[in-house]
Amino acid sequence: TMVIWGERDQALLPTLLEAFAEAVIAADAEYRVVYFGPGAERLYRTSRAGALGRGLTELYRYEWLDAAEEARALDALGTVGVWRGENVHVLHDGTRLVVESVVTALRGADG
């Protein structure tokens, strides 16, 4: 699960996200990691301290299963702010993780 949230939301969500057993990663609008949960540490073989502040592409390479799914995801995120589907995350050691992602773009009252 990946959550993208605004600056004003950062104080509210970490406590909630700790309850997830899944690999929860939250990134800011520039795709820098602002939260990296315990499940993410296990799955991506990276410590929280090693992930925070880094760009998502520093942790894994993102692959779409097909171009049509990429277009659907970008459209959904731009219109309703949520996309759910499968994709592949390739770790730097070559490990390929087929993941079901739920990406939510959280927006504050100003946007």
PDB file of N, CA and C in Angstrom:
ATOM      1  N   THR A   1       0.849  -1.171   0.000  1.00  0.00           N
ATOM      2  CA  THR A   1       0.000   0.000   0.000  1.00  0.00           C
ATOM      3  C   THR A   1       0.888   1.224   0.000  1.00  0.00           C
ATOM      4  N   MET A   2       0.626   2.165  -0.877  1.00  0.00           N
ATOM      5  CA  MET A   2       1.351   3.421  -0.859  1.00  0.00           C
ATOM      6  C   MET A   2       0.350   4.539  -0.688  1.00  0.00           C
ATOM      7  N   VAL A   3       0.686   5.486   0.184  1.00  0.00           N
ATOM      8  CA  VAL A   3      -0.147   6.644   0.434  1.00  0.00           C
ATOM      9  C   VAL A   3       0.686   7.871   0.138  1.00  0.00           C
ATOM     10  N   ILE A   4       0.124   8.817  -0.587  1.00  0.00           N
ATOM     11  CA  ILE A   4       0.790  10.090  -0.826  1.00  0.00           C
ATOM     12  C   ILE A   4      -0.020  11.136  -0.082  1.00  0.00           C
ATOM     13  N   TRP A   5       0.619  11.870   0.823  1.00  0.00           N
ATOM     14  CA  TRP A   5      -0.129  12.849   1.589  1.00  0.00           C
ATOM     15  C   TRP A   5       0.546  14.197   1.593  1.00  0.00           C
ATOM     16  N   GLY A   6      -0.229  15.206   1.929  1.00  0.00           N
ATOM     17  CA  GLY A   6       0.257  16.575   1.957  1.00  0.00           C
ATOM     18  C   GLY A   6       0.978  16.893   3.249  1.00  0.00           C
ATOM     19  N   GLU A   7       1.645  18.020   3.251  1.00  0.00           N
ATOM     20  CA  GLU A   7       2.459  18.446   4.379  1.00  0.00           C
ATOM     21  C   GLU A   7       1.659  18.548   5.670  1.00  0.00           C
ATOM     22  N   ARG A   8       0.442  19.070   5.587  1.00  0.00           N
ATOM     23  CA  ARG A   8      -0.366  19.248   6.792  1.00  0.00           C
ATOM     24  C   ARG A   8      -0.825  17.922   7.389  1.00  0.00           C
ATOM     25  N   ASP A   9      -0.857  16.865   6.609  1.00  0.00           N
ATOM     26  CA  ASP A   9      -1.337  15.564   7.081  1.00  0.00           C
ATOM     27  C   ASP A   9      -0.263  14.747   7.791  1.00  0.00           C
ATOM     28  N   GLN A  10       0.997  15.136   7.672  1.00  0.00           N
ATOM     29  CA  GLN A  10       2.087  14.295   8.139  1.00  0.00           C
ATOM     30  C   GLN A  10       2.035  13.994   9.630  1.00  0.00           C
ATOM     31  N   ALA A  11       1.521  14.889  10.436  1.00  0.00           N
ATOM     32  CA  ALA A  11       1.457  14.648  11.873  1.00  0.00           C
ATOM     33  C   ALA A  11       0.361  13.656  12.244  1.00  0.00           C
ATOM     34  N   LEU A  12      -0.613  13.456  11.370  1.00  0.00           N
ATOM     35  CA  LEU A  12      -1.780  12.642  11.705  1.00  0.00           C
ATOM     36  C   LEU A  12      -1.652  11.169  11.352  1.00  0.00           C
ATOM     37  N   LEU A  13      -0.959  10.843  10.277  1.00  0.00           N
ATOM     38  CA  LEU A  13      -1.045   9.493   9.736  1.00  0.00           C
ATOM     39  C   LEU A  13      -0.071   8.456  10.286  1.00  0.00           C
ATOM     40  N   PRO A  14       1.127   8.805  10.747  1.00  0.00           N
ATOM     41  CA  PRO A  14       2.047   7.730  11.152  1.00  0.00           C
ATOM     42  C   PRO A  14       1.486   6.756  12.172  1.00  0.00           C
ATOM     43  N   THR A  15       0.759   7.237  13.176  1.00  0.00           N
ATOM     44  CA  THR A  15       0.198   6.337  14.184  1.00  0.00           C
ATOM     45  C   THR A  15      -0.790   5.369  13.554  1.00  0.00           C
ATOM     46  N   LEU A  16      -1.628   5.852  12.664  1.00  0.00           N
ATOM     47  CA  LEU A  16      -2.579   4.995  11.967  1.00  0.00           C
ATOM     48  C   LEU A  16      -1.855   3.962  11.109  1.00  0.00           C
ATOM     49  N   LEU A  17      -0.833   4.387  10.383  1.00  0.00           N
ATOM     50  CA  LEU A  17      -0.146   3.492   9.455  1.00  0.00           C
ATOM     51  C   LEU A  17       0.619   2.385  10.165  1.00  0.00           C
ATOM     52  N   GLU A  18       1.060   2.617  11.394  1.00  0.00           N
ATOM     53  CA  GLU A  18       1.786   1.589  12.143  1.00  0.00           C
ATOM     54  C   GLU A  18       0.946   0.339  12.347  1.00  0.00           C
ATOM     55  N   ALA A  19      -0.364   0.476  12.317  1.00  0.00           N
ATOM     56  CA  ALA A  19      -1.252  -0.661  12.557  1.00  0.00           C
ATOM     57  C   ALA A  19      -1.327  -1.617  11.371  1.00  0.00           C
ATOM     58  N   PHE A  20      -0.896  -1.190  10.193  1.00  0.00           N
ATOM     59  CA  PHE A  20      -0.961  -2.040   9.018  1.00  0.00           C
ATOM     60  C   PHE A  20       0.131  -3.103   9.057  1.00  0.00           C
ATOM     61  N   ALA A  21      -0.225  -4.349   8.778  1.00  0.00           N
ATOM     62  CA  ALA A  21       0.771  -5.414   8.659  1.00  0.00           C
ATOM     63  C   ALA A  21       1.372  -5.424   7.262  1.00  0.00           C
ATOM     64  N   GLU A  22       0.660  -4.812   6.324  1.00  0.00           N
ATOM     65  CA  GLU A  22       1.113  -4.784   4.938  1.00  0.00           C
ATOM     66  C   GLU A  22       2.311  -3.846   4.805  1.00  0.00           C
ATOM     67  N   ALA A  23       2.904  -3.865   3.635  1.00  0.00           N
ATOM     68  CA  ALA A  23       4.037  -2.979   3.351  1.00  0.00           C
ATOM     69  C   ALA A  23       3.497  -1.603   2.983  1.00  0.00           C
ATOM     70  N   VAL A  24       3.422  -0.718   3.954  1.00  0.00           N
ATOM     71  CA  VAL A  24       2.904   0.627   3.722  1.00  0.00           C
ATOM     72  C   VAL A  24       4.069   1.582   3.512  1.00  0.00           C
ATOM     73  N   ILE A  25       4.002   2.295   2.385  1.00  0.00           N
ATOM     74  CA  ILE A  25       4.988   3.319   2.071  1.00  0.00           C
ATOM     75  C   ILE A  25       4.211   4.586   1.773  1.00  0.00           C
ATOM     76  N   ALA A  26       4.614   5.700   2.365  1.00  0.00           N
ATOM     77  CA  ALA A  26       3.998   6.985   2.052  1.00  0.00           C
ATOM     78  C   ALA A  26       5.067   7.894   1.486  1.00  0.00           C
ATOM     79  N   ALA A  27       4.686   8.623   0.455  1.00  0.00           N
ATOM     80  CA  ALA A  27       5.615   9.529  -0.211  1.00  0.00           C
ATOM     81  C   ALA A  27       4.974  10.900  -0.330  1.00  0.00           C
ATOM     82  N   ASP A  28       5.824  11.916  -0.410  1.00  0.00           N
ATOM     83  CA  ASP A  28       5.308  13.264  -0.617  1.00  0.00           C
ATOM     84  C   ASP A  28       5.069  13.499  -2.104  1.00  0.00           C
ATOM     85  N   ALA A  29       4.725  14.701  -2.470  1.00  0.00           N
ATOM     86  CA  ALA A  29       4.387  15.007  -3.861  1.00  0.00           C
ATOM     87  C   ALA A  29       5.572  14.837  -4.805  1.00  0.00           C
ATOM     88  N   GLU A  30       6.800  14.843  -4.262  1.00  0.00           N
ATOM     89  CA  GLU A  30       8.001  14.628  -5.080  1.00  0.00           C
ATOM     90  C   GLU A  30       8.449  13.168  -5.045  1.00  0.00           C
ATOM     91  N   TYR A  31       7.601  12.299  -4.510  1.00  0.00           N
ATOM     92  CA  TYR A  31       7.861  10.853  -4.424  1.00  0.00           C
ATOM     93  C   TYR A  31       9.065  10.519  -3.543  1.00  0.00           C
ATOM     94  N   ARG A  32       9.286  11.320  -2.508  1.00  0.00           N
ATOM     95  CA  ARG A  32      10.279  11.010  -1.488  1.00  0.00           C
ATOM     96  C   ARG A  32       9.570  10.297  -0.342  1.00  0.00           C
ATOM     97  N   VAL A  33      10.195   9.277   0.203  1.00  0.00           N
ATOM     98  CA  VAL A  33       9.592   8.482   1.270  1.00  0.00           C
ATOM     99  C   VAL A  33       9.498   9.311   2.545  1.00  0.00           C
ATOM    100  N   VAL A  34       8.270   9.431   3.075  1.00  0.00           N
ATOM    101  CA  VAL A  34       8.050  10.116   4.347  1.00  0.00           C
ATOM    102  C   VAL A  34       7.563   9.151   5.428  1.00  0.00           C
ATOM    103  N   TYR A  35       7.184   7.954   5.027  1.00  0.00           N
ATOM    104  CA  TYR A  35       6.813   6.902   5.980  1.00  0.00           C
ATOM    105  C   TYR A  35       7.163   5.570   5.357  1.00  0.00           C
ATOM    106  N   PHE A  36       7.742   4.681   6.154  1.00  0.00           N
ATOM    107  CA  PHE A  36       8.150   3.359   5.692  1.00  0.00           C
ATOM    108  C   PHE A  36       7.861   2.392   6.831  1.00  0.00           C
ATOM    109  N   GLY A  37       6.757   1.647   6.695  1.00  0.00           N
ATOM    110  CA  GLY A  37       6.290   0.793   7.777  1.00  0.00           C
ATOM    111  C   GLY A  37       7.082  -0.484   7.963  1.00  0.00           C
ATOM    112  N   PRO A  38       6.830  -1.177   9.070  1.00  0.00           N
ATOM    113  CA  PRO A  38       7.534  -2.426   9.365  1.00  0.00           C
ATOM    114  C   PRO A  38       7.386  -3.478   8.272  1.00  0.00           C
ATOM    115  N   GLY A  39       6.200  -3.584   7.676  1.00  0.00           N
ATOM    116  CA  GLY A  39       6.001  -4.540   6.587  1.00  0.00           C
ATOM    117  C   GLY A  39       6.852  -4.200   5.378  1.00  0.00           C
ATOM    118  N   ALA A  40       7.008  -2.905   5.105  1.00  0.00           N
ATOM    119  CA  ALA A  40       7.849  -2.456   3.994  1.00  0.00           C
ATOM    120  C   ALA A  40       9.315  -2.779   4.278  1.00  0.00           C
ATOM    121  N   GLU A  41       9.735  -2.628   5.521  1.00  0.00           N
ATOM    122  CA  GLU A  41      11.118  -2.971   5.875  1.00  0.00           C
ATOM    123  C   GLU A  41      11.409  -4.428   5.533  1.00  0.00           C
ATOM    124  N   ARG A  42      10.467  -5.304   5.879  1.00  0.00           N
ATOM    125  CA  ARG A  42      10.662  -6.736   5.613  1.00  0.00           C
ATOM    126  C   ARG A  42      10.646  -7.031   4.111  1.00  0.00           C
ATOM    127  N   LEU A  43       9.658  -6.518   3.411  1.00  0.00           N
ATOM    128  CA  LEU A  43       9.486  -6.847   2.002  1.00  0.00           C
ATOM    129  C   LEU A  43      10.584  -6.247   1.124  1.00  0.00           C
ATOM    130  N   TYR A  44      10.964  -5.004   1.401  1.00  0.00           N
ATOM    131  CA  TYR A  44      11.940  -4.314   0.554  1.00  0.00           C
ATOM    132  C   TYR A  44      13.365  -4.412   1.078  1.00  0.00           C
ATOM    133  N   ARG A  45      13.530  -5.121   2.202  1.00  0.00           N
ATOM    134  CA  ARG A  45      14.860  -5.385   2.764  1.00  0.00           C
ATOM    135  C   ARG A  45      15.655  -4.105   2.999  1.00  0.00           C
ATOM    136  N   THR A  46      14.952  -3.102   3.497  1.00  0.00           N
ATOM    137  CA  THR A  46      15.549  -1.802   3.777  1.00  0.00           C
ATOM    138  C   THR A  46      15.010  -1.308   5.109  1.00  0.00           C
ATOM    139  N   SER A  47      15.879  -0.724   5.918  1.00  0.00           N
ATOM    140  CA  SER A  47      15.422  -0.187   7.193  1.00  0.00           C
ATOM    141  C   SER A  47      14.651   1.101   6.982  1.00  0.00           C
ATOM    142  N   ARG A  48      13.841   1.429   7.957  1.00  0.00           N
ATOM    143  CA  ARG A  48      13.095   2.680   7.918  1.00  0.00           C
ATOM    144  C   ARG A  48      14.059   3.862   7.785  1.00  0.00           C
ATOM    145  N   ALA A  49      15.105   3.852   8.598  1.00  0.00           N
ATOM    146  CA  ALA A  49      16.082   4.946   8.548  1.00  0.00           C
ATOM    147  C   ALA A  49      16.742   5.038   7.172  1.00  0.00           C
ATOM    148  N   GLY A  50      16.957   3.907   6.533  1.00  0.00           N
ATOM    149  CA  GLY A  50      17.575   3.895   5.217  1.00  0.00           C
ATOM    150  C   GLY A  50      16.644   4.314   4.102  1.00  0.00           C
ATOM    151  N   ALA A  51      15.346   4.292   4.349  1.00  0.00           N
ATOM    152  CA  ALA A  51      14.368   4.629   3.318  1.00  0.00           C
ATOM    153  C   ALA A  51      13.868   6.067   3.409  1.00  0.00           C
ATOM    154  N   LEU A  52      13.727   6.573   4.627  1.00  0.00           N
ATOM    155  CA  LEU A  52      13.140   7.901   4.806  1.00  0.00           C
ATOM    156  C   LEU A  52      13.938   8.975   4.073  1.00  0.00           C
ATOM    157  N   GLY A  53      13.226   9.806   3.344  1.00  0.00           N
ATOM    158  CA  GLY A  53      13.844  10.898   2.611  1.00  0.00           C
ATOM    159  C   GLY A  53      14.357  10.525   1.231  1.00  0.00           C
ATOM    160  N   ARG A  54      14.421   9.247   0.939  1.00  0.00           N
ATOM    161  CA  ARG A  54      14.900   8.808  -0.377  1.00  0.00           C
ATOM    162  C   ARG A  54      13.756   8.799  -1.382  1.00  0.00           C
ATOM    163  N   GLY A  55      14.105   8.922  -2.647  1.00  0.00           N
ATOM    164  CA  GLY A  55      13.116   8.802  -3.699  1.00  0.00           C
ATOM    165  C   GLY A  55      12.701   7.351  -3.859  1.00  0.00           C
ATOM    166  N   LEU A  56      11.455   7.126  -4.234  1.00  0.00           N
ATOM    167  CA  LEU A  56      10.976   5.751  -4.413  1.00  0.00           C
ATOM    168  C   LEU A  56      11.844   4.967  -5.387  1.00  0.00           C
ATOM    169  N   THR A  57      12.326   5.632  -6.447  1.00  0.00           N
ATOM    170  CA  THR A  57      13.144   4.922  -7.435  1.00  0.00           C
ATOM    171  C   THR A  57      14.508   4.523  -6.886  1.00  0.00           C
ATOM    172  N   GLU A  58      14.892   5.066  -5.738  1.00  0.00           N
ATOM    173  CA  GLU A  58      16.121   4.619  -5.085  1.00  0.00           C
ATOM    174  C   GLU A  58      15.906   3.289  -4.368  1.00  0.00           C
ATOM    175  N   LEU A  59      14.653   2.950  -4.095  1.00  0.00           N
ATOM    176  CA  LEU A  59      14.332   1.708  -3.389  1.00  0.00           C
ATOM    177  C   LEU A  59      14.002   0.571  -4.345  1.00  0.00           C
ATOM    178  N   TYR A  60      13.330   0.886  -5.444  1.00  0.00           N
ATOM    179  CA  TYR A  60      12.942  -0.132  -6.416  1.00  0.00           C
ATOM    180  C   TYR A  60      12.629   0.514  -7.749  1.00  0.00           C
ATOM    181  N   ARG A  61      12.730  -0.316  -8.782  1.00  0.00           N
ATOM    182  CA  ARG A  61      12.314   0.104 -10.119  1.00  0.00           C
ATOM    183  C   ARG A  61      10.883  -0.380 -10.324  1.00  0.00           C
ATOM    184  N   TYR A  62      10.065   0.490 -10.847  1.00  0.00           N
ATOM    185  CA  TYR A  62       8.643   0.235 -11.015  1.00  0.00           C
ATOM    186  C   TYR A  62       8.390  -0.239 -12.433  1.00  0.00           C
ATOM    187  N   GLU A  63       7.683  -1.334 -12.601  1.00  0.00           N
ATOM    188  CA  GLU A  63       7.319  -1.829 -13.926  1.00  0.00           C
ATOM    189  C   GLU A  63       5.814  -2.040 -13.991  1.00  0.00           C
ATOM    190  N   TRP A  64       5.239  -1.591 -15.080  1.00  0.00           N
ATOM    191  CA  TRP A  64       3.818  -1.827 -15.320  1.00  0.00           C
ATOM    192  C   TRP A  64       3.649  -3.154 -16.038  1.00  0.00           C
ATOM    193  N   LEU A  65       2.543  -3.835 -15.792  1.00  0.00           N
ATOM    194  CA  LEU A  65       2.275  -5.083 -16.480  1.00  0.00           C
ATOM    195  C   LEU A  65       1.972  -4.828 -17.948  1.00  0.00           C
ATOM    196  N   ASP A  66       1.376  -3.664 -18.241  1.00  0.00           N
ATOM    197  CA  ASP A  66       1.171  -3.253 -19.630  1.00  0.00           C
ATOM    198  C   ASP A  66       0.902  -1.754 -19.661  1.00  0.00           C
ATOM    199  N   ALA A  67       1.061  -1.148 -20.839  1.00  0.00           N
ATOM    200  CA  ALA A  67       0.902   0.294 -20.998  1.00  0.00           C
ATOM    201  C   ALA A  67      -0.524   0.744 -20.704  1.00  0.00           C
ATOM    202  N   ALA A  68      -1.493  -0.079 -21.015  1.00  0.00           N
ATOM    203  CA  ALA A  68      -2.887   0.292 -20.766  1.00  0.00           C
ATOM    204  C   ALA A  68      -3.146   0.450 -19.265  1.00  0.00           C
ATOM    205  N   GLU A  69      -2.554  -0.411 -18.455  1.00  0.00           N
ATOM    206  CA  GLU A  69      -2.748  -0.315 -17.010  1.00  0.00           C
ATOM    207  C   GLU A  69      -2.095   0.949 -16.460  1.00  0.00           C
ATOM    208  N   GLU A  70      -0.949   1.298 -17.002  1.00  0.00           N
ATOM    209  CA  GLU A  70      -0.296   2.539 -16.583  1.00  0.00           C
ATOM    210  C   GLU A  70      -1.199   3.737 -16.876  1.00  0.00           C
ATOM    211  N   ALA A  71      -1.790   3.767 -18.061  1.00  0.00           N
ATOM    212  CA  ALA A  71      -2.686   4.861 -18.434  1.00  0.00           C
ATOM    213  C   ALA A  71      -3.906   4.902 -17.520  1.00  0.00           C
ATOM    214  N   ARG A  72      -4.467   3.738 -17.199  1.00  0.00           N
ATOM    215  CA  ARG A  72      -5.626   3.679 -16.295  1.00  0.00           C
ATOM    216  C   ARG A  72      -5.258   4.201 -14.913  1.00  0.00           C
ATOM    217  N   ALA A  73      -4.074   3.816 -14.430  1.00  0.00           N
ATOM    218  CA  ALA A  73      -3.637   4.249 -13.100  1.00  0.00           C
ATOM    219  C   ALA A  73      -3.468   5.760 -13.048  1.00  0.00           C
ATOM    220  N   LEU A  74      -2.795   6.322 -14.024  1.00  0.00           N
ATOM    221  CA  LEU A  74      -2.568   7.764 -14.036  1.00  0.00           C
ATOM    222  C   LEU A  74      -3.885   8.528 -14.148  1.00  0.00           C
ATOM    223  N   ASP A  75      -4.806   8.017 -14.951  1.00  0.00           N
ATOM    224  CA  ASP A  75      -6.113   8.643 -15.081  1.00  0.00           C
ATOM    225  C   ASP A  75      -6.874   8.586 -13.756  1.00  0.00           C
ATOM    226  N   ALA A  76      -6.876   7.416 -13.118  1.00  0.00           N
ATOM    227  CA  ALA A  76      -7.596   7.263 -11.850  1.00  0.00           C
ATOM    228  C   ALA A  76      -7.015   8.161 -10.771  1.00  0.00           C
ATOM    229  N   LEU A  77      -5.695   8.240 -10.691  1.00  0.00           N
ATOM    230  CA  LEU A  77      -5.083   9.090  -9.679  1.00  0.00           C
ATOM    231  C   LEU A  77      -5.394  10.560  -9.925  1.00  0.00           C
ATOM    232  N   GLY A  78      -5.462  10.942 -11.192  1.00  0.00           N
ATOM    233  CA  GLY A  78      -5.752  12.331 -11.514  1.00  0.00           C
ATOM    234  C   GLY A  78      -7.205  12.722 -11.329  1.00  0.00           C
ATOM    235  N   THR A  79      -8.108  11.750 -11.411  1.00  0.00           N
ATOM    236  CA  THR A  79      -9.532  12.086 -11.331  1.00  0.00           C
ATOM    237  C   THR A  79     -10.119  11.760  -9.956  1.00  0.00           C
ATOM    238  N   VAL A  80     -10.028  10.508  -9.528  1.00  0.00           N
ATOM    239  CA  VAL A  80     -10.628  10.127  -8.241  1.00  0.00           C
ATOM    240  C   VAL A  80      -9.607  10.028  -7.119  1.00  0.00           C
ATOM    241  N   GLY A  81      -8.319  10.048  -7.455  1.00  0.00           N
ATOM    242  CA  GLY A  81      -7.279  10.041  -6.432  1.00  0.00           C
ATOM    243  C   GLY A  81      -6.914   8.679  -5.879  1.00  0.00           C
ATOM    244  N   VAL A  82      -7.441   7.597  -6.478  1.00  0.00           N
ATOM    245  CA  VAL A  82      -7.149   6.248  -5.989  1.00  0.00           C
ATOM    246  C   VAL A  82      -6.966   5.306  -7.169  1.00  0.00           C
ATOM    247  N   TRP A  83      -5.964   4.438  -7.071  1.00  0.00           N
ATOM    248  CA  TRP A  83      -5.783   3.378  -8.057  1.00  0.00           C
ATOM    249  C   TRP A  83      -5.393   2.111  -7.316  1.00  0.00           C
ATOM    250  N   ARG A  84      -5.944   0.994  -7.762  1.00  0.00           N
ATOM    251  CA  ARG A  84      -5.613  -0.317  -7.199  1.00  0.00           C
ATOM    252  C   ARG A  84      -5.357  -1.264  -8.350  1.00  0.00           C
ATOM    253  N   GLY A  85      -4.241  -1.992  -8.300  1.00  0.00           N
ATOM    254  CA  GLY A  85      -3.921  -2.939  -9.347  1.00  0.00           C
ATOM    255  C   GLY A  85      -2.581  -3.596  -9.092  1.00  0.00           C
ATOM    256  N   GLU A  86      -2.174  -4.417 -10.025  1.00  0.00           N
ATOM    257  CA  GLU A  86      -0.901  -5.125  -9.888  1.00  0.00           C
ATOM    258  C   GLU A  86       0.179  -4.448 -10.711  1.00  0.00           C
ATOM    259  N   ASN A  87       1.401  -4.523 -10.184  1.00  0.00           N
ATOM    260  CA  ASN A  87       2.580  -4.080 -10.902  1.00  0.00           C
ATOM    261  C   ASN A  87       3.775  -4.813 -10.333  1.00  0.00           C
ATOM    262  N   VAL A  88       4.942  -4.498 -10.840  1.00  0.00           N
ATOM    263  CA  VAL A  88       6.160  -5.188 -10.412  1.00  0.00           C
ATOM    264  C   VAL A  88       7.120  -4.159  -9.833  1.00  0.00           C
ATOM    265  N   HIS A  89       7.676  -4.487  -8.687  1.00  0.00           N
ATOM    266  CA  HIS A  89       8.745  -3.689  -8.099  1.00  0.00           C
ATOM    267  C   HIS A  89      10.011  -4.535  -8.189  1.00  0.00           C
ATOM    268  N   VAL A  90      11.044  -3.994  -8.811  1.00  0.00           N
ATOM    269  CA  VAL A  90      12.304  -4.713  -8.973  1.00  0.00           C
ATOM    270  C   VAL A  90      13.318  -4.106  -8.015  1.00  0.00           C
ATOM    271  N   LEU A  91      13.752  -4.907  -7.048  1.00  0.00           N
ATOM    272  CA  LEU A  91      14.741  -4.431  -6.078  1.00  0.00           C
ATOM    273  C   LEU A  91      16.105  -4.352  -6.733  1.00  0.00           C
ATOM    274  N   HIS A  92      17.030  -3.650  -6.096  1.00  0.00           N
ATOM    275  CA  HIS A  92      18.354  -3.452  -6.683  1.00  0.00           C
ATOM    276  C   HIS A  92      19.159  -4.741  -6.823  1.00  0.00           C
ATOM    277  N   ASP A  93      18.787  -5.776  -6.070  1.00  0.00           N
ATOM    278  CA  ASP A  93      19.486  -7.059  -6.224  1.00  0.00           C
ATOM    279  C   ASP A  93      18.855  -7.923  -7.316  1.00  0.00           C
ATOM    280  N   GLY A  94      17.853  -7.357  -8.018  1.00  0.00           N
ATOM    281  CA  GLY A  94      17.194  -8.081  -9.099  1.00  0.00           C
ATOM    282  C   GLY A  94      15.932  -8.814  -8.691  1.00  0.00           C
ATOM    283  N   THR A  95      15.655  -8.884  -7.392  1.00  0.00           N
ATOM    284  CA  THR A  95      14.438  -9.537  -6.926  1.00  0.00           C
ATOM    285  C   THR A  95      13.228  -8.822  -7.497  1.00  0.00           C
ATOM    286  N   ARG A  96      12.312  -9.604  -8.096  1.00  0.00           N
ATOM    287  CA  ARG A  96      11.099  -9.052  -8.684  1.00  0.00           C
ATOM    288  C   ARG A  96       9.926  -9.373  -7.763  1.00  0.00           C
ATOM    289  N   LEU A  97       9.252  -8.334  -7.315  1.00  0.00           N
ATOM    290  CA  LEU A  97       8.091  -8.490  -6.462  1.00  0.00           C
ATOM    291  C   LEU A  97       6.849  -8.117  -7.268  1.00  0.00           C
ATOM    292  N   VAL A  98       5.957  -9.072  -7.480  1.00  0.00           N
ATOM    293  CA  VAL A  98       4.673  -8.756  -8.091  1.00  0.00           C
ATOM    294  C   VAL A  98       3.775  -8.349  -6.933  1.00  0.00           C
ATOM    295  N   VAL A  99       3.337  -7.096  -6.954  1.00  0.00           N
ATOM    296  CA  VAL A  99       2.592  -6.566  -5.824  1.00  0.00           C
ATOM    297  C   VAL A  99       1.220  -6.076  -6.262  1.00  0.00           C
ATOM    298  N   GLU A 100       0.285  -6.164  -5.346  1.00  0.00           N
ATOM    299  CA  GLU A 100      -0.988  -5.495  -5.536  1.00  0.00           C
ATOM    300  C   GLU A 100      -0.860  -4.165  -4.831  1.00  0.00           C
ATOM    301  N   SER A 101      -0.913  -3.100  -5.580  1.00  0.00           N
ATOM    302  CA  SER A 101      -0.737  -1.765  -5.034  1.00  0.00           C
ATOM    303  C   SER A 101      -2.071  -1.067  -4.880  1.00  0.00           C
ATOM    304  N   VAL A 102      -2.180  -0.331  -3.809  1.00  0.00           N
ATOM    305  CA  VAL A 102      -3.273   0.600  -3.628  1.00  0.00           C
ATOM    306  C   VAL A 102      -2.601   1.947  -3.426  1.00  0.00           C
ATOM    307  N   VAL A 103      -2.759   2.828  -4.396  1.00  0.00           N
ATOM    308  CA  VAL A 103      -2.127   4.144  -4.332  1.00  0.00           C
ATOM    309  C   VAL A 103      -3.237   5.165  -4.137  1.00  0.00           C
ATOM    310  N   THR A 104      -3.093   5.957  -3.078  1.00  0.00           N
ATOM    311  CA  THR A 104      -4.063   6.981  -2.758  1.00  0.00           C
ATOM    312  C   THR A 104      -3.358   8.315  -2.695  1.00  0.00           C
ATOM    313  N   ALA A 105      -3.812   9.276  -3.446  1.00  0.00           N
ATOM    314  CA  ALA A 105      -3.269  10.634  -3.397  1.00  0.00           C
ATOM    315  C   ALA A 105      -4.146  11.426  -2.442  1.00  0.00           C
ATOM    316  N   LEU A 106      -3.615  11.759  -1.282  1.00  0.00           N
ATOM    317  CA  LEU A 106      -4.366  12.545  -0.303  1.00  0.00           C
ATOM    318  C   LEU A 106      -4.102  14.013  -0.563  1.00  0.00           C
ATOM    319  N   ARG A 107      -5.148  14.764  -0.631  1.00  0.00           N
ATOM    320  CA  ARG A 107      -5.020  16.199  -0.891  1.00  0.00           C
ATOM    321  C   ARG A 107      -5.652  16.966   0.256  1.00  0.00           C
ATOM    322  N   GLY A 108      -5.012  18.055   0.631  1.00  0.00           N
ATOM    323  CA  GLY A 108      -5.565  18.929   1.650  1.00  0.00           C
ATOM    324  C   GLY A 108      -6.704  19.762   1.097  1.00  0.00           C
ATOM    325  N   ALA A 109      -7.236  20.626   1.901  1.00  0.00           N
ATOM    326  CA  ALA A 109      -8.362  21.459   1.491  1.00  0.00           C
ATOM    327  C   ALA A 109      -8.005  22.390   0.343  1.00  0.00           C
ATOM    328  N   ASP A 110      -6.706  22.678   0.171  1.00  0.00           N
ATOM    329  CA  ASP A 110      -6.291  23.590  -0.891  1.00  0.00           C
ATOM    330  C   ASP A 110      -5.981  22.871  -2.191  1.00  0.00           C
ATOM    331  N   GLY A 111      -6.193  21.556  -2.299  1.00  0.00           N
ATOM    332  CA  GLY A 111      -5.931  20.942  -3.571  1.00  0.00           C
ATOM    333  C   GLY A 111      -5.875  19.494  -3.539  1.00  0.00           C
TER     334      GLY A 111
END
